[in-house]
Amino acid sequence: MQANRSNPIMVDELEATAGVASVAPILRSWARWSAAFAPDVRGESEPWSISAVDADFATIGTPVIERRSTRFASDAEVFVAMANGERVIVVPS
């Protein structure tokens, strides 16, 4: 579910709702980035949506990652590393 920013539902309130098995908050925002290796950007700043998760996100199921570093044994490990503050990014294809 997506909460209304002006009146968001609290995680503990949502967890107490009948039929809700688990909850993991996802924070969404926008960032600007640029990269010399991205030919379509050519060094100019480009807006991009970003999401932030905590460790609970990995415990209830994660999105499938098509290609990931061999450093991670599973998709869930990627999100746990991210939630633990490691410098990890997931780029949509």
PDB file of N, CA and C in Angstrom:
ATOM      1  N   MET A   1       0.831  -1.171   0.000  1.00  0.00           N
ATOM      2  CA  MET A   1       0.000   0.000   0.000  1.00  0.00           C
ATOM      3  C   MET A   1       0.871   1.226   0.000  1.00  0.00           C
ATOM      4  N   GLN A   2       0.355   2.289  -0.509  1.00  0.00           N
ATOM      5  CA  GLN A   2       1.090   3.548  -0.492  1.00  0.00           C
ATOM      6  C   GLN A   2       0.371   4.498   0.446  1.00  0.00           C
ATOM      7  N   ALA A   3       1.097   5.031   1.403  1.00  0.00           N
ATOM      8  CA  ALA A   3       0.506   5.932   2.388  1.00  0.00           C
ATOM      9  C   ALA A   3       0.474   7.361   1.865  1.00  0.00           C
ATOM     10  N   ASN A   4      -0.479   8.114   2.343  1.00  0.00           N
ATOM     11  CA  ASN A   4      -0.589   9.528   2.027  1.00  0.00           C
ATOM     12  C   ASN A   4       0.471  10.274   2.823  1.00  0.00           C
ATOM     13  N   ARG A   5       1.302  11.057   2.151  1.00  0.00           N
ATOM     14  CA  ARG A   5       2.390  11.762   2.849  1.00  0.00           C
ATOM     15  C   ARG A   5       1.883  12.753   3.896  1.00  0.00           C
ATOM     16  N   SER A   6       0.711  13.314   3.685  1.00  0.00           N
ATOM     17  CA  SER A   6       0.213  14.300   4.645  1.00  0.00           C
ATOM     18  C   SER A   6      -0.452  13.639   5.854  1.00  0.00           C
ATOM     19  N   ASN A   7      -0.805  12.359   5.739  1.00  0.00           N
ATOM     20  CA  ASN A   7      -1.427  11.642   6.845  1.00  0.00           C
ATOM     21  C   ASN A   7      -1.040  10.167   6.769  1.00  0.00           C
ATOM     22  N   PRO A   8       0.250   9.864   6.930  1.00  0.00           N
ATOM     23  CA  PRO A   8       0.698   8.480   6.743  1.00  0.00           C
ATOM     24  C   PRO A   8       0.238   7.551   7.861  1.00  0.00           C
ATOM     25  N   ILE A   9      -0.005   6.296   7.502  1.00  0.00           N
ATOM     26  CA  ILE A   9      -0.326   5.300   8.519  1.00  0.00           C
ATOM     27  C   ILE A   9       0.985   4.854   9.158  1.00  0.00           C
ATOM     28  N   MET A  10       0.989   4.661  10.452  1.00  0.00           N
ATOM     29  CA  MET A  10       2.191   4.247  11.164  1.00  0.00           C
ATOM     30  C   MET A  10       2.366   2.735  10.991  1.00  0.00           C
ATOM     31  N   VAL A  11       3.611   2.283  10.981  1.00  0.00           N
ATOM     32  CA  VAL A  11       3.914   0.867  10.765  1.00  0.00           C
ATOM     33  C   VAL A  11       3.227  -0.001  11.820  1.00  0.00           C
ATOM     34  N   ASP A  12       3.312   0.372  13.098  1.00  0.00           N
ATOM     35  CA  ASP A  12       2.697  -0.447  14.145  1.00  0.00           C
ATOM     36  C   ASP A  12       1.179  -0.503  14.008  1.00  0.00           C
ATOM     37  N   GLU A  13       0.584   0.568  13.511  1.00  0.00           N
ATOM     38  CA  GLU A  13      -0.862   0.594  13.279  1.00  0.00           C
ATOM     39  C   GLU A  13      -1.238  -0.363  12.136  1.00  0.00           C
ATOM     40  N   LEU A  14      -0.440  -0.363  11.099  1.00  0.00           N
ATOM     41  CA  LEU A  14      -0.679  -1.246   9.967  1.00  0.00           C
ATOM     42  C   LEU A  14      -0.476  -2.707  10.369  1.00  0.00           C
ATOM     43  N   GLU A  15       0.560  -2.986  11.162  1.00  0.00           N
ATOM     44  CA  GLU A  15       0.823  -4.353  11.628  1.00  0.00           C
ATOM     45  C   GLU A  15      -0.325  -4.895  12.466  1.00  0.00           C
ATOM     46  N   ALA A  16      -1.031  -4.028  13.169  1.00  0.00           N
ATOM     47  CA  ALA A  16      -2.144  -4.440  14.027  1.00  0.00           C
ATOM     48  C   ALA A  16      -3.439  -4.662  13.243  1.00  0.00           C
ATOM     49  N   THR A  17      -3.441  -4.372  11.961  1.00  0.00           N
ATOM     50  CA  THR A  17      -4.629  -4.521  11.130  1.00  0.00           C
ATOM     51  C   THR A  17      -4.874  -5.991  10.814  1.00  0.00           C
ATOM     52  N   ALA A  18      -6.115  -6.443  10.963  1.00  0.00           N
ATOM     53  CA  ALA A  18      -6.478  -7.828  10.665  1.00  0.00           C
ATOM     54  C   ALA A  18      -6.124  -8.169   9.221  1.00  0.00           C
ATOM     55  N   GLY A  19      -5.501  -9.326   9.037  1.00  0.00           N
ATOM     56  CA  GLY A  19      -5.144  -9.784   7.700  1.00  0.00           C
ATOM     57  C   GLY A  19      -3.764  -9.364   7.224  1.00  0.00           C
ATOM     58  N   VAL A  20      -3.104  -8.482   7.962  1.00  0.00           N
ATOM     59  CA  VAL A  20      -1.757  -8.039   7.580  1.00  0.00           C
ATOM     60  C   VAL A  20      -0.745  -8.992   8.215  1.00  0.00           C
ATOM     61  N   ALA A  21       0.021  -9.688   7.381  1.00  0.00           N
ATOM     62  CA  ALA A  21       0.987 -10.669   7.875  1.00  0.00           C
ATOM     63  C   ALA A  21       2.298 -10.032   8.274  1.00  0.00           C
ATOM     64  N   SER A  22       2.775  -9.054   7.512  1.00  0.00           N
ATOM     65  CA  SER A  22       4.027  -8.393   7.829  1.00  0.00           C
ATOM     66  C   SER A  22       4.092  -7.043   7.131  1.00  0.00           C
ATOM     67  N   VAL A  23       4.971  -6.189   7.646  1.00  0.00           N
ATOM     68  CA  VAL A  23       5.090  -4.831   7.132  1.00  0.00           C
ATOM     69  C   VAL A  23       6.569  -4.471   7.028  1.00  0.00           C
ATOM     70  N   ALA A  24       6.928  -3.842   5.939  1.00  0.00           N
ATOM     71  CA  ALA A  24       8.287  -3.312   5.775  1.00  0.00           C
ATOM     72  C   ALA A  24       8.166  -1.975   5.059  1.00  0.00           C
ATOM     73  N   PRO A  25       8.525  -0.895   5.723  1.00  0.00           N
ATOM     74  CA  PRO A  25       8.398   0.423   5.095  1.00  0.00           C
ATOM     75  C   PRO A  25       9.394   0.619   3.944  1.00  0.00           C
ATOM     76  N   ILE A  26       8.959   1.331   2.934  1.00  0.00           N
ATOM     77  CA  ILE A  26       9.811   1.731   1.822  1.00  0.00           C
ATOM     78  C   ILE A  26       9.671   3.242   1.696  1.00  0.00           C
ATOM     79  N   LEU A  27      10.773   3.943   1.791  1.00  0.00           N
ATOM     80  CA  LEU A  27      10.757   5.393   1.618  1.00  0.00           C
ATOM     81  C   LEU A  27      11.095   5.699   0.173  1.00  0.00           C
ATOM     82  N   ARG A  28      10.343   6.590  -0.441  1.00  0.00           N
ATOM     83  CA  ARG A  28      10.589   6.936  -1.837  1.00  0.00           C
ATOM     84  C   ARG A  28      10.894   8.419  -1.954  1.00  0.00           C
ATOM     85  N   SER A  29      11.782   8.732  -2.879  1.00  0.00           N
ATOM     86  CA  SER A  29      12.156  10.118  -3.115  1.00  0.00           C
ATOM     87  C   SER A  29      12.746  10.237  -4.518  1.00  0.00           C
ATOM     88  N   TRP A  30      13.373  11.372  -4.777  1.00  0.00           N
ATOM     89  CA  TRP A  30      14.029  11.623  -6.059  1.00  0.00           C
ATOM     90  C   TRP A  30      15.449  12.069  -5.804  1.00  0.00           C
ATOM     91  N   ALA A  31      16.344  11.679  -6.679  1.00  0.00           N
ATOM     92  CA  ALA A  31      17.731  12.109  -6.616  1.00  0.00           C
ATOM     93  C   ALA A  31      18.157  12.524  -8.017  1.00  0.00           C
ATOM     94  N   ARG A  32      19.207  13.290  -8.093  1.00  0.00           N
ATOM     95  CA  ARG A  32      19.772  13.653  -9.395  1.00  0.00           C
ATOM     96  C   ARG A  32      21.141  12.992  -9.484  1.00  0.00           C
ATOM     97  N   TRP A  33      21.468  12.439 -10.619  1.00  0.00           N
ATOM     98  CA  TRP A  33      22.750  11.774 -10.798  1.00  0.00           C
ATOM     99  C   TRP A  33      23.292  12.050 -12.179  1.00  0.00           C
ATOM    100  N   SER A  34      24.575  11.845 -12.304  1.00  0.00           N
ATOM    101  CA  SER A  34      25.214  11.926 -13.610  1.00  0.00           C
ATOM    102  C   SER A  34      26.363  10.929 -13.626  1.00  0.00           C
ATOM    103  N   ALA A  35      26.671  10.446 -14.809  1.00  0.00           N
ATOM    104  CA  ALA A  35      27.762   9.484 -14.950  1.00  0.00           C
ATOM    105  C   ALA A  35      28.364   9.602 -16.334  1.00  0.00           C
ATOM    106  N   ALA A  36      29.661   9.673 -16.380  1.00  0.00           N
ATOM    107  CA  ALA A  36      30.359   9.793 -17.662  1.00  0.00           C
ATOM    108  C   ALA A  36      30.138   8.559 -18.537  1.00  0.00           C
ATOM    109  N   PHE A  37      29.910   7.392 -17.917  1.00  0.00           N
ATOM    110  CA  PHE A  37      29.751   6.163 -18.685  1.00  0.00           C
ATOM    111  C   PHE A  37      28.343   5.986 -19.254  1.00  0.00           C
ATOM    112  N   ALA A  38      27.407   6.858 -18.894  1.00  0.00           N
ATOM    113  CA  ALA A  38      26.031   6.738 -19.381  1.00  0.00           C
ATOM    114  C   ALA A  38      25.850   7.631 -20.605  1.00  0.00           C
ATOM    115  N   PRO A  39      25.875   7.054 -21.801  1.00  0.00           N
ATOM    116  CA  PRO A  39      25.855   7.868 -23.023  1.00  0.00           C
ATOM    117  C   PRO A  39      24.593   8.715 -23.182  1.00  0.00           C
ATOM    118  N   ASP A  40      23.468   8.280 -22.631  1.00  0.00           N
ATOM    119  CA  ASP A  40      22.243   9.064 -22.780  1.00  0.00           C
ATOM    120  C   ASP A  40      22.200  10.254 -21.830  1.00  0.00           C
ATOM    121  N   VAL A  41      23.059  10.263 -20.815  1.00  0.00           N
ATOM    122  CA  VAL A  41      23.083  11.362 -19.847  1.00  0.00           C
ATOM    123  C   VAL A  41      24.160  12.379 -20.206  1.00  0.00           C
ATOM    124  N   ARG A  42      25.291  11.918 -20.666  1.00  0.00           N
ATOM    125  CA  ARG A  42      26.414  12.745 -21.096  1.00  0.00           C
ATOM    126  C   ARG A  42      26.837  13.788 -20.052  1.00  0.00           C
ATOM    127  N   GLY A  43      26.930  13.346 -18.793  1.00  0.00           N
ATOM    128  CA  GLY A  43      27.434  14.219 -17.750  1.00  0.00           C
ATOM    129  C   GLY A  43      26.433  15.204 -17.185  1.00  0.00           C
ATOM    130  N   GLU A  44      25.230  15.276 -17.756  1.00  0.00           N
ATOM    131  CA  GLU A  44      24.224  16.186 -17.221  1.00  0.00           C
ATOM    132  C   GLU A  44      23.442  15.495 -16.107  1.00  0.00           C
ATOM    133  N   SER A  45      23.031  16.265 -15.130  1.00  0.00           N
ATOM    134  CA  SER A  45      22.268  15.730 -14.018  1.00  0.00           C
ATOM    135  C   SER A  45      20.895  15.282 -14.504  1.00  0.00           C
ATOM    136  N   GLU A  46      20.489  14.111 -14.043  1.00  0.00           N
ATOM    137  CA  GLU A  46      19.243  13.499 -14.495  1.00  0.00           C
ATOM    138  C   GLU A  46      18.414  13.081 -13.273  1.00  0.00           C
ATOM    139  N   PRO A  47      17.113  13.430 -13.212  1.00  0.00           N
ATOM    140  CA  PRO A  47      16.304  13.001 -12.062  1.00  0.00           C
ATOM    141  C   PRO A  47      16.039  11.496 -12.134  1.00  0.00           C
ATOM    142  N   TRP A  48      16.013  10.841 -10.972  1.00  0.00           N
ATOM    143  CA  TRP A  48      15.814   9.401 -10.912  1.00  0.00           C
ATOM    144  C   TRP A  48      15.091   9.084  -9.610  1.00  0.00           C
ATOM    145  N   SER A  49      14.100   8.221  -9.672  1.00  0.00           N
ATOM    146  CA  SER A  49      13.408   7.848  -8.438  1.00  0.00           C
ATOM    147  C   SER A  49      14.301   6.916  -7.621  1.00  0.00           C
ATOM    148  N   ILE A  50      14.241   7.050  -6.301  1.00  0.00           N
ATOM    149  CA  ILE A  50      15.026   6.201  -5.409  1.00  0.00           C
ATOM    150  C   ILE A  50      14.113   5.661  -4.313  1.00  0.00           C
ATOM    151  N   SER A  51      14.484   4.527  -3.757  1.00  0.00           N
ATOM    152  CA  SER A  51      13.754   3.927  -2.644  1.00  0.00           C
ATOM    153  C   SER A  51      14.746   3.531  -1.565  1.00  0.00           C
ATOM    154  N   ALA A  52      14.334   3.648  -0.322  1.00  0.00           N
ATOM    155  CA  ALA A  52      15.158   3.249   0.808  1.00  0.00           C
ATOM    156  C   ALA A  52      14.375   2.221   1.621  1.00  0.00           C
ATOM    157  N   VAL A  53      15.063   1.162   2.053  1.00  0.00           N
ATOM    158  CA  VAL A  53      14.416   0.101   2.820  1.00  0.00           C
ATOM    159  C   VAL A  53      15.220  -0.180   4.081  1.00  0.00           C
ATOM    160  N   ASP A  54      14.573  -0.832   5.040  1.00  0.00           N
ATOM    161  CA  ASP A  54      15.314  -1.285   6.210  1.00  0.00           C
ATOM    162  C   ASP A  54      15.435  -2.805   6.145  1.00  0.00           C
ATOM    163  N   ALA A  55      16.066  -3.419   7.133  1.00  0.00           N
ATOM    164  CA  ALA A  55      16.332  -4.856   7.103  1.00  0.00           C
ATOM    165  C   ALA A  55      15.055  -5.694   7.056  1.00  0.00           C
ATOM    166  N   ASP A  56      13.938  -5.183   7.568  1.00  0.00           N
ATOM    167  CA  ASP A  56      12.678  -5.934   7.527  1.00  0.00           C
ATOM    168  C   ASP A  56      12.247  -6.245   6.101  1.00  0.00           C
ATOM    169  N   PHE A  57      12.608  -5.392   5.172  1.00  0.00           N
ATOM    170  CA  PHE A  57      12.232  -5.573   3.773  1.00  0.00           C
ATOM    171  C   PHE A  57      12.721  -6.925   3.248  1.00  0.00           C
ATOM    172  N   ALA A  58      13.931  -7.313   3.594  1.00  0.00           N
ATOM    173  CA  ALA A  58      14.515  -8.565   3.101  1.00  0.00           C
ATOM    174  C   ALA A  58      13.900  -9.796   3.761  1.00  0.00           C
ATOM    175  N   THR A  59      13.281  -9.625   4.919  1.00  0.00           N
ATOM    176  CA  THR A  59      12.732 -10.788   5.620  1.00  0.00           C
ATOM    177  C   THR A  59      11.375 -11.221   5.092  1.00  0.00           C
ATOM    178  N   ILE A  60      10.669 -10.353   4.388  1.00  0.00           N
ATOM    179  CA  ILE A  60       9.326 -10.717   3.921  1.00  0.00           C
ATOM    180  C   ILE A  60       9.259 -10.959   2.422  1.00  0.00           C
ATOM    181  N   GLY A  61      10.390 -10.888   1.751  1.00  0.00           N
ATOM    182  CA  GLY A  61      10.415 -11.147   0.313  1.00  0.00           C
ATOM    183  C   GLY A  61      10.920  -9.926  -0.428  1.00  0.00           C
ATOM    184  N   THR A  62      11.769 -10.157  -1.381  1.00  0.00           N
ATOM    185  CA  THR A  62      12.377  -9.054  -2.120  1.00  0.00           C
ATOM    186  C   THR A  62      12.084  -9.196  -3.603  1.00  0.00           C
ATOM    187  N   PRO A  63      12.200  -8.110  -4.340  1.00  0.00           N
ATOM    188  CA  PRO A  63      12.064  -8.205  -5.796  1.00  0.00           C
ATOM    189  C   PRO A  63      13.179  -9.087  -6.371  1.00  0.00           C
ATOM    190  N   VAL A  64      12.908  -9.699  -7.495  1.00  0.00           N
ATOM    191  CA  VAL A  64      13.918 -10.518  -8.167  1.00  0.00           C
ATOM    192  C   VAL A  64      14.906  -9.593  -8.863  1.00  0.00           C
ATOM    193  N   ILE A  65      16.179  -9.884  -8.686  1.00  0.00           N
ATOM    194  CA  ILE A  65      17.238  -9.119  -9.346  1.00  0.00           C
ATOM    195  C   ILE A  65      17.743  -9.966 -10.513  1.00  0.00           C
ATOM    196  N   GLU A  66      17.673  -9.414 -11.713  1.00  0.00           N
ATOM    197  CA  GLU A  66      18.078 -10.170 -12.903  1.00  0.00           C
ATOM    198  C   GLU A  66      19.550 -10.543 -12.888  1.00  0.00           C
ATOM    199  N   ARG A  67      20.394  -9.573 -12.576  1.00  0.00           N
ATOM    200  CA  ARG A  67      21.845  -9.798 -12.522  1.00  0.00           C
ATOM    201  C   ARG A  67      22.375  -9.125 -11.276  1.00  0.00           C
ATOM    202  N   ARG A  68      23.100  -9.876 -10.478  1.00  0.00           N
ATOM    203  CA  ARG A  68      23.679  -9.299  -9.265  1.00  0.00           C
ATOM    204  C   ARG A  68      25.121  -9.740  -9.119  1.00  0.00           C
ATOM    205  N   SER A  69      25.855  -9.032  -8.328  1.00  0.00           N
ATOM    206  CA  SER A  69      27.259  -9.334  -8.060  1.00  0.00           C
ATOM    207  C   SER A  69      27.375 -10.730  -7.447  1.00  0.00           C
ATOM    208  N   THR A  70      28.441 -11.429  -7.779  1.00  0.00           N
ATOM    209  CA  THR A  70      28.693 -12.747  -7.191  1.00  0.00           C
ATOM    210  C   THR A  70      29.014 -12.642  -5.704  1.00  0.00           C
ATOM    211  N   ARG A  71      29.217 -11.437  -5.233  1.00  0.00           N
ATOM    212  CA  ARG A  71      29.443 -11.191  -3.803  1.00  0.00           C
ATOM    213  C   ARG A  71      28.231 -11.598  -2.966  1.00  0.00           C
ATOM    214  N   PHE A  72      27.051 -11.590  -3.592  1.00  0.00           N
ATOM    215  CA  PHE A  72      25.806 -11.907  -2.888  1.00  0.00           C
ATOM    216  C   PHE A  72      25.276 -13.268  -3.333  1.00  0.00           C
ATOM    217  N   ALA A  73      24.945 -14.115  -2.353  1.00  0.00           N
ATOM    218  CA  ALA A  73      24.436 -15.452  -2.659  1.00  0.00           C
ATOM    219  C   ALA A  73      22.949 -15.440  -3.020  1.00  0.00           C
ATOM    220  N   SER A  74      22.251 -14.371  -2.652  1.00  0.00           N
ATOM    221  CA  SER A  74      20.810 -14.303  -2.939  1.00  0.00           C
ATOM    222  C   SER A  74      20.395 -12.843  -3.136  1.00  0.00           C
ATOM    223  N   ASP A  75      19.212 -12.664  -3.705  1.00  0.00           N
ATOM    224  CA  ASP A  75      18.673 -11.311  -3.860  1.00  0.00           C
ATOM    225  C   ASP A  75      18.444 -10.676  -2.494  1.00  0.00           C
ATOM    226  N   ALA A  76      17.990 -11.466  -1.530  1.00  0.00           N
ATOM    227  CA  ALA A  76      17.748 -10.939  -0.183  1.00  0.00           C
ATOM    228  C   ALA A  76      19.031 -10.378   0.432  1.00  0.00           C
ATOM    229  N   GLU A  77      20.178 -11.021   0.177  1.00  0.00           N
ATOM    230  CA  GLU A  77      21.451 -10.530   0.720  1.00  0.00           C
ATOM    231  C   GLU A  77      21.780  -9.133   0.216  1.00  0.00           C
ATOM    232  N   VAL A  78      21.391  -8.821  -0.999  1.00  0.00           N
ATOM    233  CA  VAL A  78      21.619  -7.490  -1.561  1.00  0.00           C
ATOM    234  C   VAL A  78      20.870  -6.451  -0.724  1.00  0.00           C
ATOM    235  N   PHE A  79      19.605  -6.733  -0.424  1.00  0.00           N
ATOM    236  CA  PHE A  79      18.785  -5.777   0.315  1.00  0.00           C
ATOM    237  C   PHE A  79      19.186  -5.693   1.787  1.00  0.00           C
ATOM    238  N   VAL A  80      19.655  -6.797   2.369  1.00  0.00           N
ATOM    239  CA  VAL A  80      20.163  -6.755   3.745  1.00  0.00           C
ATOM    240  C   VAL A  80      21.416  -5.881   3.797  1.00  0.00           C
ATOM    241  N   ALA A  81      22.309  -6.049   2.837  1.00  0.00           N
ATOM    242  CA  ALA A  81      23.528  -5.227   2.786  1.00  0.00           C
ATOM    243  C   ALA A  81      23.169  -3.755   2.646  1.00  0.00           C
ATOM    244  N   MET A  82      22.201  -3.470   1.794  1.00  0.00           N
ATOM    245  CA  MET A  82      21.769  -2.089   1.597  1.00  0.00           C
ATOM    246  C   MET A  82      21.201  -1.519   2.896  1.00  0.00           C
ATOM    247  N   ALA A  83      20.355  -2.292   3.558  1.00  0.00           N
ATOM    248  CA  ALA A  83      19.732  -1.830   4.806  1.00  0.00           C
ATOM    249  C   ALA A  83      20.753  -1.662   5.923  1.00  0.00           C
ATOM    250  N   ASN A  84      21.856  -2.408   5.852  1.00  0.00           N
ATOM    251  CA  ASN A  84      22.911  -2.303   6.867  1.00  0.00           C
ATOM    252  C   ASN A  84      23.902  -1.183   6.580  1.00  0.00           C
ATOM    253  N   GLY A  85      23.621  -0.382   5.572  1.00  0.00           N
ATOM    254  CA  GLY A  85      24.447   0.787   5.300  1.00  0.00           C
ATOM    255  C   GLY A  85      25.601   0.556   4.348  1.00  0.00           C
ATOM    256  N   GLU A  86      25.685  -0.644   3.757  1.00  0.00           N
ATOM    257  CA  GLU A  86      26.746  -0.880   2.782  1.00  0.00           C
ATOM    258  C   GLU A  86      26.450  -0.074   1.522  1.00  0.00           C
ATOM    259  N   ARG A  87      27.477   0.243   0.786  1.00  0.00           N
ATOM    260  CA  ARG A  87      27.316   1.023  -0.441  1.00  0.00           C
ATOM    261  C   ARG A  87      26.856   0.099  -1.567  1.00  0.00           C
ATOM    262  N   VAL A  88      25.550  -0.098  -1.622  1.00  0.00           N
ATOM    263  CA  VAL A  88      24.941  -0.996  -2.600  1.00  0.00           C
ATOM    264  C   VAL A  88      23.823  -0.243  -3.297  1.00  0.00           C
ATOM    265  N   ILE A  89      23.739  -0.413  -4.600  1.00  0.00           N
ATOM    266  CA  ILE A  89      22.619   0.149  -5.337  1.00  0.00           C
ATOM    267  C   ILE A  89      22.004  -0.939  -6.203  1.00  0.00           C
ATOM    268  N   VAL A  90      20.717  -0.815  -6.445  1.00  0.00           N
ATOM    269  CA  VAL A  90      20.013  -1.700  -7.371  1.00  0.00           C
ATOM    270  C   VAL A  90      19.466  -0.801  -8.461  1.00  0.00           C
ATOM    271  N   VAL A  91      19.835  -1.078  -9.680  1.00  0.00           N
ATOM    272  CA  VAL A  91      19.438  -0.242 -10.807  1.00  0.00           C
ATOM    273  C   VAL A  91      18.384  -0.984 -11.631  1.00  0.00           C
ATOM    274  N   PRO A  92      17.238  -0.362 -11.852  1.00  0.00           N
ATOM    275  CA  PRO A  92      16.209  -1.033 -12.662  1.00  0.00           C
ATOM    276  C   PRO A  92      16.656  -1.170 -14.112  1.00  0.00           C
ATOM    277  N   SER A  93      16.233  -2.253 -14.733  1.00  0.00           N
ATOM    278  CA  SER A  93      16.610  -2.446 -16.131  1.00  0.00           C
ATOM    279  C   SER A  93      15.502  -1.986 -17.060  1.00  0.00           C
TER     280      SER A  93
END
